[in-house]
Amino acid sequence: MTDSTTELPVAAIEQRIGAFLEAKTKLTWEPEEDLFTSGAVSSLFAMELVVFVESAFQVAVEGPDLAMDNFRTVRAMSSLVTRLRSGGDGA
């Protein structure tokens, strides 16, 4: 059985994250829009984002990857997912 998320293009990752955010906030988000400065998303919600990203994309977000900047925008989250799924450490 093939994992359907293994080769997800960035656009599909962003769409999936965007759909999650829209369901939770009832707002539509641009890929570069800052979720936290908008006031619509709290820092507490960041933990919910971590759990969603880990479960939706089968990645482990640990250590320095838990930085809020990795969850600030849809684009930042998709970059994190792409990096973690490729096994890169960003260094």
Protein backbone atom coordinates (compact mmCIF):
# COMPACT_ATOMS: atom_id res chain seq x y z
CA MET A 1 0.00 0.00 0.00
CA THR A 2 1.38 3.40 -0.98
CA ASP A 3 1.22 6.32 1.45
CA SER A 4 -0.77 8.93 -0.46
CA THR A 5 1.01 11.80 1.31
CA THR A 6 4.53 10.68 0.38
CA GLU A 7 4.80 12.71 -2.81
CA LEU A 8 2.42 15.58 -2.11
CA PRO A 9 3.25 18.72 -4.07
CA VAL A 10 3.60 21.95 -2.09
CA ALA A 11 0.28 23.24 -3.47
CA ALA A 12 -1.53 20.17 -2.13
CA ILE A 13 0.14 20.55 1.27
CA GLU A 14 -0.86 24.22 1.40
CA GLN A 15 -4.42 23.37 0.35
CA ARG A 16 -4.75 20.76 3.09
CA ILE A 17 -3.36 23.10 5.77
CA GLY A 18 -5.58 25.91 4.47
CA ALA A 19 -8.67 23.70 4.64
CA PHE A 20 -7.85 22.78 8.25
CA LEU A 21 -7.38 26.44 9.17
CA GLU A 22 -10.57 27.47 7.40
CA ALA A 23 -12.56 24.77 9.22
CA LYS A 24 -11.15 25.91 12.58
CA THR A 25 -11.24 29.70 12.12
CA LYS A 26 -14.03 30.14 9.54
CA LEU A 27 -11.60 32.36 7.60
CA THR A 28 -9.68 31.89 4.34
CA TRP A 29 -5.90 32.30 4.61
CA GLU A 30 -3.38 33.46 2.03
CA PRO A 31 -0.17 31.36 1.99
CA GLU A 32 1.98 34.22 3.37
CA GLU A 33 -0.59 35.68 5.80
CA ASP A 34 0.63 35.72 9.41
CA LEU A 35 -1.84 33.67 11.42
CA PHE A 36 -0.78 35.05 14.79
CA THR A 37 -0.54 38.78 14.09
CA SER A 38 -3.99 38.59 12.49
CA GLY A 39 -5.47 38.09 15.95
CA ALA A 40 -7.63 35.23 14.66
CA VAL A 41 -5.25 32.55 15.92
CA SER A 42 -3.80 32.33 19.43
CA SER A 43 -0.46 30.92 20.52
CA LEU A 44 -2.46 28.13 22.20
CA PHE A 45 -3.80 27.21 18.77
CA ALA A 46 -0.17 26.68 17.68
CA MET A 47 -0.16 23.37 19.55
CA GLU A 48 -3.25 22.29 17.64
CA LEU A 49 -1.40 23.16 14.43
CA VAL A 50 1.56 21.02 15.51
CA VAL A 51 -0.71 18.04 16.19
CA PHE A 52 -2.51 18.53 12.86
CA VAL A 53 0.72 18.77 10.84
CA GLU A 54 2.17 15.69 12.53
CA SER A 55 -0.93 13.55 11.99
CA ALA A 56 -1.92 14.81 8.54
CA PHE A 57 1.53 14.48 7.03
CA GLN A 58 3.08 11.69 9.15
CA VAL A 59 5.99 13.82 10.38
CA ALA A 60 7.47 14.41 13.84
CA VAL A 61 7.88 18.06 14.77
CA GLU A 62 10.53 18.18 17.49
CA GLY A 63 13.16 20.41 19.05
CA PRO A 64 14.00 23.51 17.03
CA ASP A 65 11.24 22.69 14.51
CA LEU A 66 8.68 23.57 17.21
CA ALA A 67 9.49 27.27 16.70
CA MET A 68 6.38 29.38 16.22
CA ASP A 69 7.86 30.80 13.00
CA ASN A 70 7.39 27.36 11.41
CA PHE A 71 3.64 27.70 12.04
CA ARG A 72 3.21 31.43 11.39
CA THR A 73 1.96 31.05 7.79
CA VAL A 74 0.52 28.33 5.59
CA ARG A 75 3.65 28.62 3.44
CA ALA A 76 5.95 28.18 6.46
CA MET A 77 4.05 25.05 7.51
CA SER A 78 4.21 23.57 4.00
CA SER A 79 7.96 24.26 3.89
CA LEU A 80 8.37 22.53 7.24
CA VAL A 81 6.37 19.51 6.05
CA THR A 82 8.34 19.30 2.81
CA ARG A 83 11.67 19.49 4.67
CA LEU A 84 10.67 16.93 7.31
CA ARG A 85 9.25 14.51 4.74
CA SER A 86 12.44 14.69 2.68
CA GLY A 87 14.50 13.92 5.77
CA GLY A 88 16.28 17.29 5.69
CA ASP A 89 17.25 19.17 8.80
CA GLY A 90 17.31 22.58 7.17
CA ALA A 91 21.03 23.03 7.85
